[in-house]
N, C-alpha and C. Protein backbone atom coordinates (compact mmCIF):
# COMPACT_ATOMS: atom_id res chain seq x y z
N MET A 1 16.12 -9.31 -7.26
CA MET A 1 16.21 -9.62 -5.72
C MET A 1 16.04 -8.53 -5.05
N VAL A 2 14.82 -8.20 -4.33
CA VAL A 2 14.91 -7.48 -3.11
C VAL A 2 15.67 -7.46 -1.78
N GLN A 3 16.05 -6.28 -2.75
CA GLN A 3 16.99 -6.23 -1.18
C GLN A 3 16.67 -5.24 -0.15
N LEU A 4 16.96 -5.57 1.43
CA LEU A 4 16.64 -4.57 2.77
C LEU A 4 17.75 -3.74 2.79
N THR A 5 18.02 -2.41 2.81
CA THR A 5 19.11 -1.61 3.26
C THR A 5 18.47 -0.94 5.03
N PRO A 6 19.12 -0.54 5.41
CA PRO A 6 18.95 0.10 6.89
C PRO A 6 17.96 1.94 5.66
N GLN A 7 18.27 1.83 4.71
CA GLN A 7 17.38 3.24 4.30
C GLN A 7 15.97 2.90 3.99
N SER A 8 15.47 1.36 3.61
CA SER A 8 14.51 1.07 3.31
C SER A 8 13.35 1.18 3.55
N ARG A 9 12.25 2.01 3.49
CA ARG A 9 10.36 1.98 3.65
C ARG A 9 10.39 0.50 3.17
N ILE A 10 9.24 0.88 4.35
CA ILE A 10 8.43 -0.49 4.78
C ILE A 10 6.73 0.00 4.84
N PHE A 11 6.15 0.02 3.63
CA PHE A 11 4.81 0.00 4.40
C PHE A 11 3.56 -1.01 4.90
N VAL A 12 3.06 -1.24 6.03
CA VAL A 12 2.23 -2.25 6.37
C VAL A 12 0.47 -1.27 6.01
N ALA A 13 -0.22 -2.36 5.36
CA ALA A 13 -1.26 -1.76 4.81
C ALA A 13 -2.14 -2.43 6.09
N LEU A 14 -2.83 -1.71 6.85
CA LEU A 14 -3.54 -1.90 8.34
C LEU A 14 -4.85 -2.41 7.48
N GLN A 15 -5.27 -2.29 6.17
CA GLN A 15 -6.94 -3.48 6.28
C GLN A 15 -6.51 -4.43 5.50
N PRO A 16 -7.16 -5.51 5.35
CA PRO A 16 -6.54 -6.80 5.46
C PRO A 16 -7.52 -6.48 3.82
N ALA A 17 -6.32 -7.44 2.75
CA ALA A 17 -6.05 -6.53 1.09
C ALA A 17 -7.11 -7.80 0.63
N ASP A 18 -7.83 -7.82 -1.07
CA ASP A 18 -8.54 -9.07 -1.42
C ASP A 18 -7.27 -9.50 -2.24
N PHE A 19 -6.95 -10.84 -2.05
CA PHE A 19 -5.60 -11.37 -2.16
C PHE A 19 -6.08 -12.22 -4.20
N ARG A 20 -7.18 -11.15 -4.40
CA ARG A 20 -7.36 -12.11 -6.31
C ARG A 20 -6.39 -10.81 -6.70
N ARG A 21 -6.28 -9.37 -6.73
CA ARG A 21 -5.56 -8.66 -6.84
C ARG A 21 -4.29 -8.96 -7.14
N GLY A 22 -3.71 -8.49 -8.12
CA GLY A 22 -2.37 -8.91 -8.70
C GLY A 22 -1.66 -7.59 -8.48
N ILE A 23 -0.57 -6.70 -9.33
CA ILE A 23 0.58 -5.89 -9.55
C ILE A 23 -0.43 -4.87 -9.06
N ASP A 24 -1.21 -4.70 -10.48
CA ASP A 24 -1.90 -3.04 -10.43
C ASP A 24 -2.91 -2.93 -9.33
N GLY A 25 -3.90 -4.48 -9.04
CA GLY A 25 -4.58 -3.95 -7.95
C GLY A 25 -3.59 -3.45 -6.90
N LEU A 26 -2.69 -3.87 -6.45
CA LEU A 26 -1.96 -3.87 -5.18
C LEU A 26 -1.52 -2.12 -5.40
N ALA A 27 -1.29 -1.75 -6.74
CA ALA A 27 -0.50 -0.66 -6.93
C ALA A 27 -1.46 0.52 -6.86
N ALA A 28 -2.91 0.04 -6.79
CA ALA A 28 -3.95 1.21 -6.60
C ALA A 28 -3.89 1.09 -5.49
N LEU A 29 -3.96 0.50 -4.21
CA LEU A 29 -4.00 0.38 -3.40
C LEU A 29 -2.55 1.31 -2.06
N CYS A 30 -2.08 1.00 -2.85
CA CYS A 30 -0.41 1.87 -2.51
C CYS A 30 -1.04 3.23 -2.85
N ARG A 31 -2.17 3.52 -3.54
CA ARG A 31 -1.87 5.13 -4.09
C ARG A 31 -3.31 5.88 -3.13
N ALA A 32 -4.03 4.76 -3.26
CA ALA A 32 -5.45 5.08 -2.73
C ALA A 32 -5.68 5.44 -1.14
N GLN A 33 -5.48 4.05 -0.41
CA GLN A 33 -5.17 3.80 1.01
C GLN A 33 -4.01 4.51 1.52
N LEU A 34 -3.21 4.00 0.97
CA LEU A 34 -1.23 4.31 1.92
C LEU A 34 -1.14 5.82 1.11
N ALA A 35 -1.28 6.49 0.33
CA ALA A 35 -1.42 7.78 -0.35
C ALA A 35 0.08 7.80 -0.40
N GLU A 36 1.00 6.36 -1.00
CA GLU A 36 1.93 6.41 -1.94
C GLU A 36 2.33 6.09 -3.12
N ASP A 37 3.69 6.57 -3.74
CA ASP A 37 4.04 6.04 -5.16
C ASP A 37 4.33 4.61 -5.10
N PRO A 38 3.98 3.64 -5.59
CA PRO A 38 4.40 2.79 -5.78
C PRO A 38 5.73 2.33 -6.82
N PHE A 39 5.95 3.32 -7.37
CA PHE A 39 7.09 3.61 -7.94
C PHE A 39 8.36 4.24 -7.10
N SER A 40 8.17 3.99 -5.90
CA SER A 40 9.45 4.92 -5.25
C SER A 40 10.31 3.76 -4.65
N GLY A 41 10.06 2.32 -4.98
CA GLY A 41 10.99 1.50 -4.41
C GLY A 41 10.73 1.11 -3.08
N ALA A 42 9.80 1.85 -2.38
CA ALA A 42 9.30 1.22 -1.28
C ALA A 42 9.09 -0.26 -1.03
N ILE A 43 8.98 -0.85 0.21
CA ILE A 43 8.17 -1.95 0.09
C ILE A 43 7.07 -2.46 0.41
N PHE A 44 5.52 -2.41 0.03
CA PHE A 44 4.25 -2.23 0.66
C PHE A 44 4.15 -3.69 0.86
N VAL A 45 3.66 -4.19 2.09
CA VAL A 45 2.97 -5.04 2.64
C VAL A 45 1.33 -5.40 2.96
N PHE A 46 0.95 -6.36 2.34
CA PHE A 46 -0.27 -6.50 2.27
C PHE A 46 -0.96 -8.06 2.88
N ARG A 47 -1.47 -8.10 3.89
CA ARG A 47 -2.34 -9.58 4.62
C ARG A 47 -3.71 -9.68 3.85
N ASN A 48 -4.37 -11.03 3.56
CA ASN A 48 -5.64 -11.30 3.17
C ASN A 48 -6.56 -10.88 5.06
N ARG A 49 -7.69 -11.61 4.76
CA ARG A 49 -8.68 -11.09 5.59
C ARG A 49 -7.91 -12.39 6.45
N ARG A 50 -8.08 -13.43 6.13
CA ARG A 50 -7.92 -14.32 7.62
C ARG A 50 -6.40 -14.47 7.59
N ALA A 51 -5.57 -13.73 7.47
CA ALA A 51 -4.73 -13.76 8.53
C ALA A 51 -3.07 -14.38 8.35
N THR A 52 -4.04 -15.40 6.79
CA THR A 52 -2.94 -16.86 6.33
C THR A 52 -1.56 -16.61 5.56
N ALA A 53 -1.77 -15.32 4.82
CA ALA A 53 -1.02 -15.15 3.89
C ALA A 53 -0.42 -13.40 3.80
N LEU A 54 0.46 -13.42 3.23
CA LEU A 54 1.23 -12.01 2.84
C LEU A 54 1.42 -11.29 1.34
N LYS A 55 1.68 -10.64 0.56
CA LYS A 55 1.61 -10.29 -0.40
C LYS A 55 2.77 -8.83 -0.02
N LEU A 56 3.87 -9.05 -0.84
CA LEU A 56 4.80 -7.74 -0.93
C LEU A 56 5.12 -7.39 -2.03
N LEU A 57 5.17 -6.38 -2.12
CA LEU A 57 4.59 -5.15 -3.76
C LEU A 57 6.42 -4.52 -3.60
N CYS A 58 7.03 -4.55 -4.79
CA CYS A 58 8.06 -3.67 -4.66
C CYS A 58 8.57 -3.38 -5.63
N TYR A 59 9.01 -2.26 -6.65
CA TYR A 59 9.27 -2.09 -7.85
C TYR A 59 10.58 -2.01 -7.71
N ASP A 60 11.61 -2.40 -8.57
CA ASP A 60 13.13 -2.29 -8.59
C ASP A 60 13.69 -1.20 -9.59
N GLY A 61 13.10 -0.56 -10.27
CA GLY A 61 12.97 0.31 -11.03
C GLY A 61 13.52 -0.42 -12.65
N GLN A 62 13.08 -1.50 -13.08
CA GLN A 62 13.29 -2.05 -13.94
C GLN A 62 11.62 -2.81 -14.05
N GLY A 63 10.96 -3.06 -12.82
CA GLY A 63 9.85 -3.71 -13.15
C GLY A 63 9.38 -3.66 -11.34
N PHE A 64 8.07 -4.45 -11.09
CA PHE A 64 7.84 -4.87 -9.90
C PHE A 64 7.71 -6.62 -9.41
N TRP A 65 8.22 -6.16 -8.26
CA TRP A 65 8.27 -7.58 -7.77
C TRP A 65 7.21 -7.90 -6.72
N LEU A 66 6.04 -8.87 -7.21
CA LEU A 66 5.13 -9.51 -6.10
C LEU A 66 5.46 -10.79 -5.41
N CYS A 67 5.62 -10.82 -3.92
CA CYS A 67 5.56 -11.82 -3.57
C CYS A 67 4.63 -12.24 -2.54
N HIS A 68 4.81 -13.71 -2.71
CA HIS A 68 2.98 -14.12 -1.71
C HIS A 68 3.46 -15.30 -0.77
N LYS A 69 3.39 -15.05 0.53
CA LYS A 69 3.72 -16.18 1.49
C LYS A 69 2.45 -16.50 2.11
N ARG A 70 2.03 -17.47 1.80
CA ARG A 70 1.33 -18.04 2.78
C ARG A 70 1.87 -19.20 3.73
N LEU A 71 1.11 -19.00 4.95
CA LEU A 71 1.47 -19.97 5.79
C LEU A 71 0.70 -21.67 6.16
N SER A 72 1.73 -22.32 6.12
CA SER A 72 0.93 -23.80 6.18
C SER A 72 0.33 -24.17 7.29
N GLN A 73 -0.09 -23.34 8.23
CA GLN A 73 -0.20 -23.75 9.46
C GLN A 73 -0.03 -22.31 10.27
N GLY A 74 -1.33 -21.89 10.77
CA GLY A 74 -1.42 -21.08 12.29
C GLY A 74 -2.24 -19.75 11.13
N ARG A 75 -1.62 -18.50 12.08
CA ARG A 75 -2.39 -17.63 11.36
C ARG A 75 -0.94 -16.14 12.02
N LEU A 76 -0.87 -14.97 11.32
CA LEU A 76 -0.09 -14.41 11.75
C LEU A 76 -0.58 -13.50 13.54
N SER A 77 0.28 -13.76 13.95
CA SER A 77 0.30 -13.38 15.27
C SER A 77 0.00 -12.06 15.68
N TRP A 78 0.69 -11.18 15.10
CA TRP A 78 0.88 -9.69 15.12
C TRP A 78 0.57 -9.13 13.65
N TRP A 79 -0.33 -8.10 13.75
CA TRP A 79 -0.24 -6.97 12.94
C TRP A 79 -1.00 -5.52 13.40
N PRO A 80 -0.19 -4.36 13.01
CA PRO A 80 -0.01 -3.11 13.79
C PRO A 80 -1.87 -2.56 13.63
N THR A 81 -2.25 -1.80 14.75
CA THR A 81 -3.71 -1.19 14.16
C THR A 81 -3.34 0.36 13.92
N SER A 82 -4.74 0.65 13.90
CA SER A 82 -4.03 2.64 13.30
C SER A 82 -3.36 3.19 14.04
N ALA A 83 -3.47 2.76 15.32
CA ALA A 83 -3.00 3.78 16.87
C ALA A 83 -1.16 3.12 16.58
N GLN A 84 -0.77 2.13 15.63
CA GLN A 84 0.57 1.99 15.89
C GLN A 84 1.01 2.47 13.71
N ALA A 85 -0.04 3.33 13.26
CA ALA A 85 0.21 3.14 12.10
C ALA A 85 1.75 4.20 11.91
N SER A 86 2.03 4.70 12.47
CA SER A 86 3.33 5.34 12.53
C SER A 86 4.65 5.08 13.30
N HIS A 87 3.92 3.95 13.75
CA HIS A 87 5.47 3.44 14.54
C HIS A 87 6.66 2.55 13.30
N ARG A 88 7.90 3.33 14.19
CA ARG A 88 9.26 2.80 13.35
C ARG A 88 9.57 1.27 14.04
N LEU A 89 10.10 0.87 13.31
CA LEU A 89 10.70 -0.76 13.73
C LEU A 89 12.08 -0.18 13.48
N SER A 90 13.26 -1.21 14.50
CA SER A 90 14.54 -1.18 13.95
C SER A 90 14.78 -2.40 13.04
N ALA A 91 15.96 -2.40 12.57
CA ALA A 91 16.27 -3.60 11.01
C ALA A 91 16.06 -4.79 11.88
N ARG A 92 16.10 -5.28 13.26
CA ARG A 92 16.15 -6.32 13.88
C ARG A 92 14.73 -7.00 14.07
N GLU A 93 14.02 -5.83 14.48
CA GLU A 93 12.47 -6.00 14.08
C GLU A 93 11.29 -6.40 12.96
């Protein structure tokens, strides 16, 4: 189970990802585009080009979790831009 705590770090990729990628491909994106270690325990969030789906990647110490959420209707209404790249959110947000 992926558990969120107040200390959890969540990284959101600003550019859409190719959703044909699996764990290894998304871990490579973590290193190349986000400059973060995918084994750090942080949660990495990716969206597809059409903004209709999300993938979350997280390492829990034993292996990777890859979660996929596809919206049945509509598109994601919010996504950060490069100007918001270092914006801190509260736990409620």
